[in-house]
């Protein structure tokens, strides 16, 4: 018998599971970023340093030394991804609890995976297609504030697009054929996404002489890190919640 809402775990228990899942997934994502991304970061930094050394001869200015060494940055990578993963896991757990009454299934594992997938699509993939990550030596420092604000706005609009898709799926009605519900979901999602892409500005700041292969590999590694993070959060959170449900179900069985 499926457990009803009265047997659902309290918010604190769900939050702890989300934080734990996020922390582990963050460390896994950090490992992926270190292996797949760090070589491309090093190559981009070498290009940036070569350009900065050439600036004084061309009448430019000398760049200040970095406050944190590359060794410190590499070590801090795991701390940053671990803390970020824990924060995202906590947000996922909070959303899981807040949306509990709107879920149409008692399968906690499936619900957790769907939420993580929605976050990956709305908060990562949609913004990435509009504003892909750039390595060092790419980007105008004068536009960094504008680029940061527009990227964060794109993250919000990406989540709105996922919500619009979910709303479209539900608005058709449960009795409608599956293809109609899917079409309504895709239509709602694309409507918000395309409108966001058209309205928000684009930034073309990649130097013409920057290696295209290095740029492409860096962006793939950056996207892959986020995919590892959210896939890990979804799978680990789903496994923890499913285990908790099974434990509650076993405890509810009459003893013989």
Protein backbone atom coordinates (compact mmCIF):
# COMPACT_ATOMS: atom_id res chain seq x y z
CA UNK A 1 0.00 0.00 0.00
CA UNK A 2 1.48 3.41 -0.90
CA UNK A 3 2.21 5.69 1.97
CA UNK A 4 -0.06 8.69 2.25
CA UNK A 5 0.81 12.28 3.02
CA UNK A 6 0.51 11.72 6.77
CA UNK A 7 3.48 9.32 6.70
CA UNK A 8 5.68 11.60 4.63
CA UNK A 9 9.02 12.38 6.29
CA UNK A 10 9.32 15.78 7.99
CA UNK A 11 10.94 18.67 6.19
CA UNK A 12 14.14 18.50 8.23
CA UNK A 13 14.67 14.84 7.31
CA UNK A 14 14.10 15.58 3.62
CA UNK A 15 16.42 18.59 3.82
CA UNK A 16 19.22 16.51 5.34
CA UNK A 17 18.89 13.99 2.53
CA UNK A 18 19.00 16.77 -0.04
CA UNK A 19 22.08 18.34 1.52
CA UNK A 20 23.86 14.99 1.69
CA UNK A 21 22.98 14.12 -1.90
CA UNK A 22 24.09 17.56 -3.05
CA UNK A 23 27.39 17.40 -1.18
CA UNK A 24 28.34 14.02 -2.65
CA UNK A 25 27.20 15.06 -6.14
CA UNK A 26 29.15 18.30 -5.81
CA UNK A 27 32.35 16.42 -5.02
CA UNK A 28 31.74 14.14 -8.00
CA UNK A 29 31.18 17.19 -10.20
CA UNK A 30 34.38 18.72 -8.83
CA UNK A 31 36.28 15.59 -9.76
CA UNK A 32 34.87 15.73 -13.28
CA UNK A 33 35.73 19.43 -13.56
CA UNK A 34 39.27 18.77 -12.37
CA UNK A 35 39.87 15.95 -14.84
CA UNK A 36 37.95 17.26 -17.85
CA UNK A 37 38.09 21.03 -17.38
CA UNK A 38 41.36 21.99 -15.69
CA UNK A 39 43.59 21.26 -18.74
CA UNK A 40 41.49 23.67 -20.82
CA UNK A 41 41.56 26.29 -18.06
CA UNK A 42 45.34 26.04 -17.94
CA UNK A 43 45.57 26.47 -21.71
CA UNK A 44 43.28 29.51 -21.62
CA UNK A 45 45.27 31.07 -18.76
CA UNK A 46 48.47 30.60 -20.76
CA UNK A 47 46.88 32.53 -23.64
CA UNK A 48 45.71 35.26 -21.24
CA UNK A 49 49.17 35.58 -19.66
CA UNK A 50 50.87 35.74 -23.04
CA UNK A 51 48.53 38.57 -24.05
CA UNK A 52 49.07 40.45 -20.76
CA UNK A 53 52.86 40.22 -21.13
CA UNK A 54 52.62 41.69 -24.59
CA UNK A 55 50.47 44.64 -23.47
CA UNK A 56 53.23 46.81 -21.91
CA UNK A 57 55.20 46.70 -25.17
CA UNK A 58 52.06 47.78 -27.00
CA UNK A 59 51.39 50.64 -24.60
CA UNK A 60 48.98 48.70 -22.36
CA UNK A 61 49.06 48.31 -18.60
CA UNK A 62 50.53 45.65 -16.38
CA UNK A 63 47.97 43.28 -14.86
CA UNK A 64 47.98 42.72 -11.12
CA UNK A 65 49.06 39.36 -9.77
CA UNK A 66 46.26 36.92 -8.91
CA UNK A 67 45.22 36.96 -5.27
CA UNK A 68 44.88 33.16 -5.26
CA UNK A 69 47.47 30.88 -6.84
CA UNK A 70 46.50 28.22 -9.33
CA UNK A 71 47.25 25.53 -6.74
CA UNK A 72 44.87 27.25 -4.36
CA UNK A 73 42.24 27.54 -7.07
CA UNK A 74 42.51 23.85 -7.92
CA UNK A 75 42.20 22.89 -4.26
CA UNK A 76 39.28 25.27 -3.77
CA UNK A 77 37.49 23.72 -6.74
CA UNK A 78 36.31 20.76 -4.66
CA UNK A 79 35.27 23.00 -1.77
CA UNK A 80 33.30 25.24 -4.13
CA UNK A 81 31.54 22.42 -5.97
CA UNK A 82 30.83 20.58 -2.72
CA UNK A 83 29.24 23.64 -1.09
CA UNK A 84 27.37 24.55 -4.27
CA UNK A 85 26.10 21.00 -4.60
CA UNK A 86 24.91 20.98 -0.99
CA UNK A 87 23.09 24.28 -1.55
CA UNK A 88 21.41 22.96 -4.71
CA UNK A 89 20.48 19.74 -2.93
CA UNK A 90 18.89 21.79 -0.16
CA UNK A 91 16.89 23.78 -2.70
CA UNK A 92 15.80 20.57 -4.41
CA UNK A 93 14.63 19.13 -1.08
CA UNK A 94 12.74 22.33 -0.31
CA UNK A 95 11.02 22.26 -3.69
CA UNK A 96 10.22 18.58 -3.16
CA UNK A 97 8.39 19.37 0.08
CA UNK A 98 6.63 22.47 -1.24
CA UNK A 99 5.34 20.60 -4.31
CA UNK A 100 4.34 17.48 -2.38
CA UNK A 101 0.60 18.12 -2.77
CA UNK A 102 0.89 18.68 -6.50
CA UNK A 103 2.69 15.42 -7.23
CA UNK A 104 0.64 12.79 -9.00
CA UNK A 105 2.74 9.87 -7.86
CA UNK A 106 3.78 8.36 -4.53
CA UNK A 107 7.11 7.29 -6.04
CA UNK A 108 9.62 9.48 -4.22
CA UNK A 109 12.48 8.35 -6.42
CA UNK A 110 10.69 9.35 -9.58
CA UNK A 111 9.63 12.69 -8.10
CA UNK A 112 13.21 13.49 -7.07
CA UNK A 113 14.57 12.61 -10.50
CA UNK A 114 11.92 14.71 -12.25
CA UNK A 115 12.73 17.74 -10.08
CA UNK A 116 16.47 17.36 -10.70
CA UNK A 117 15.86 16.96 -14.42
CA UNK A 118 13.67 20.08 -14.46
CA UNK A 119 16.40 22.03 -12.65
CA UNK A 120 19.04 20.78 -15.09
CA UNK A 121 16.92 21.79 -18.07
CA UNK A 122 15.73 25.16 -16.79
CA UNK A 123 18.68 26.40 -14.73
CA UNK A 124 21.55 24.95 -16.78
CA UNK A 125 20.76 23.90 -20.35
CA UNK A 126 18.46 26.79 -21.31
CA UNK A 127 20.89 29.49 -20.05
CA UNK A 128 23.87 27.61 -21.51
CA UNK A 129 22.44 27.67 -25.02
CA UNK A 130 22.08 31.45 -24.80
CA UNK A 131 25.14 32.28 -22.72
CA UNK A 132 27.67 29.42 -22.88
CA UNK A 133 30.55 29.45 -20.41
CA UNK A 134 33.72 31.24 -21.45
CA UNK A 135 37.28 30.41 -20.36
CA UNK A 136 39.83 32.95 -19.11
CA UNK A 137 40.97 35.42 -21.78
CA UNK A 138 37.43 35.56 -23.21
CA UNK A 139 35.06 38.38 -22.32
CA UNK A 140 35.25 42.13 -21.91
CA UNK A 141 35.76 43.16 -18.24
CA UNK A 142 33.64 46.26 -18.89
CA UNK A 143 30.54 44.12 -19.51
CA UNK A 144 30.97 41.63 -16.67
CA UNK A 145 28.18 43.14 -14.55
CA UNK A 146 25.76 43.19 -17.46
CA UNK A 147 26.65 39.63 -18.42
CA UNK A 148 26.17 38.44 -14.83
CA UNK A 149 22.75 40.07 -14.50
CA UNK A 150 21.49 38.79 -17.85
CA UNK A 151 22.75 35.28 -17.12
CA UNK A 152 20.95 35.18 -13.75
CA UNK A 153 17.82 36.52 -15.45
CA UNK A 154 18.15 33.76 -18.04
CA UNK A 155 18.32 31.17 -15.26
CA UNK A 156 15.06 32.52 -13.82
CA UNK A 157 13.41 32.55 -17.24
CA UNK A 158 14.65 29.01 -17.89
CA UNK A 159 12.87 27.82 -14.76
CA UNK A 160 9.79 29.78 -15.82
CA UNK A 161 9.96 27.97 -19.17
CA UNK A 162 9.97 24.60 -17.39
CA UNK A 163 7.01 25.73 -15.28
CA UNK A 164 5.19 26.84 -18.45
CA UNK A 165 5.81 23.42 -19.96
CA UNK A 166 4.47 21.71 -16.86
CA UNK A 167 1.43 24.01 -16.88
CA UNK A 168 0.80 23.22 -20.53
CA UNK A 169 0.99 19.49 -19.85
CA UNK A 170 -1.55 19.76 -17.03
CA UNK A 171 -3.88 22.22 -18.76
CA UNK A 172 -4.81 19.81 -21.55
CA UNK A 173 -6.36 17.39 -19.08
CA UNK A 174 -5.60 13.88 -17.94
CA UNK A 175 -8.13 12.42 -20.41
CA UNK A 176 -6.38 13.87 -23.44
CA UNK A 177 -4.05 11.67 -25.52
CA UNK A 178 -0.45 11.65 -24.40
CA UNK A 179 0.78 13.29 -27.61
CA UNK A 180 -1.47 16.29 -26.98
CA UNK A 181 -0.18 16.74 -23.45
CA UNK A 182 3.43 16.44 -24.63
CA UNK A 183 2.80 18.90 -27.46
CA UNK A 184 1.26 21.39 -25.02
CA UNK A 185 4.25 21.00 -22.68
CA UNK A 186 6.79 21.50 -25.47
CA UNK A 187 4.82 24.47 -26.80
CA UNK A 188 4.70 26.21 -23.43
CA UNK A 189 8.38 25.57 -22.83
CA UNK A 190 9.48 26.80 -26.25
CA UNK A 191 7.26 29.88 -26.09
CA UNK A 192 9.01 31.22 -22.99
CA UNK A 193 12.47 30.04 -24.07
CA UNK A 194 12.38 31.56 -27.55
CA UNK A 195 10.91 34.82 -26.25
CA UNK A 196 13.70 35.02 -23.67
CA UNK A 197 16.38 34.38 -26.28
CA UNK A 198 14.98 37.13 -28.51
CA UNK A 199 14.50 39.76 -25.78
CA UNK A 200 17.76 39.34 -23.87
CA UNK A 201 20.94 40.74 -25.42
CA UNK A 202 23.72 38.63 -26.87
CA UNK A 203 27.43 39.06 -26.21
CA UNK A 204 29.95 38.29 -28.95
CA UNK A 205 33.25 38.82 -27.13
CA UNK A 206 35.36 35.84 -28.21
CA UNK A 207 38.61 37.10 -29.76
CA UNK A 208 38.98 36.15 -33.40
CA UNK A 209 42.35 34.53 -32.73
CA UNK A 210 41.16 32.41 -29.77
CA UNK A 211 41.43 28.66 -30.57
CA UNK A 212 37.97 27.38 -31.45
CA UNK A 213 38.77 23.85 -30.28
CA UNK A 214 39.85 25.08 -26.85
CA UNK A 215 36.69 27.18 -26.52
CA UNK A 216 34.47 24.26 -27.53
CA UNK A 217 36.19 21.79 -25.19
CA UNK A 218 36.01 24.21 -22.27
CA UNK A 219 32.30 24.76 -22.79
CA UNK A 220 31.63 21.03 -23.06
CA UNK A 221 33.55 20.42 -19.82
CA UNK A 222 31.61 23.21 -18.09
CA UNK A 223 28.28 21.79 -19.23
CA UNK A 224 29.39 18.26 -18.34
CA UNK A 225 30.20 19.38 -14.79
CA UNK A 226 26.65 20.66 -14.35
CA UNK A 227 25.18 17.50 -15.86
CA UNK A 228 27.21 15.36 -13.44
CA UNK A 229 26.11 17.57 -10.55
CA UNK A 230 22.38 17.48 -11.21
CA UNK A 231 22.34 13.84 -12.31
CA UNK A 232 24.14 12.93 -9.11
CA UNK A 233 21.78 15.01 -6.97
CA UNK A 234 18.74 13.46 -8.62
CA UNK A 235 19.93 9.86 -8.35
CA UNK A 236 21.26 10.16 -4.79
CA UNK A 237 18.25 12.07 -3.49
CA UNK A 238 15.91 9.59 -5.17
CA UNK A 239 17.79 6.65 -3.67
CA UNK A 240 17.74 8.17 -0.17
CA UNK A 241 14.03 9.00 -0.34
CA UNK A 242 13.17 5.58 -1.76
CA UNK A 243 15.14 3.90 1.03
CA UNK A 244 13.28 5.98 3.61
CA UNK A 245 9.92 5.00 2.11
CA UNK A 246 10.82 1.33 2.18
CA UNK A 247 11.95 1.64 5.79
CA UNK A 248 8.67 3.32 6.76
CA UNK A 249 6.67 0.70 4.89
CA UNK A 250 8.53 -2.11 6.65
CA UNK A 251 7.96 -0.46 10.02
CA UNK A 252 4.24 -0.11 9.30
CA UNK A 253 3.79 -3.83 8.63
CA UNK A 254 2.15 -5.74 11.52
CA UNK A 255 4.63 -7.88 13.41
CA UNK A 256 4.07 -11.63 13.36
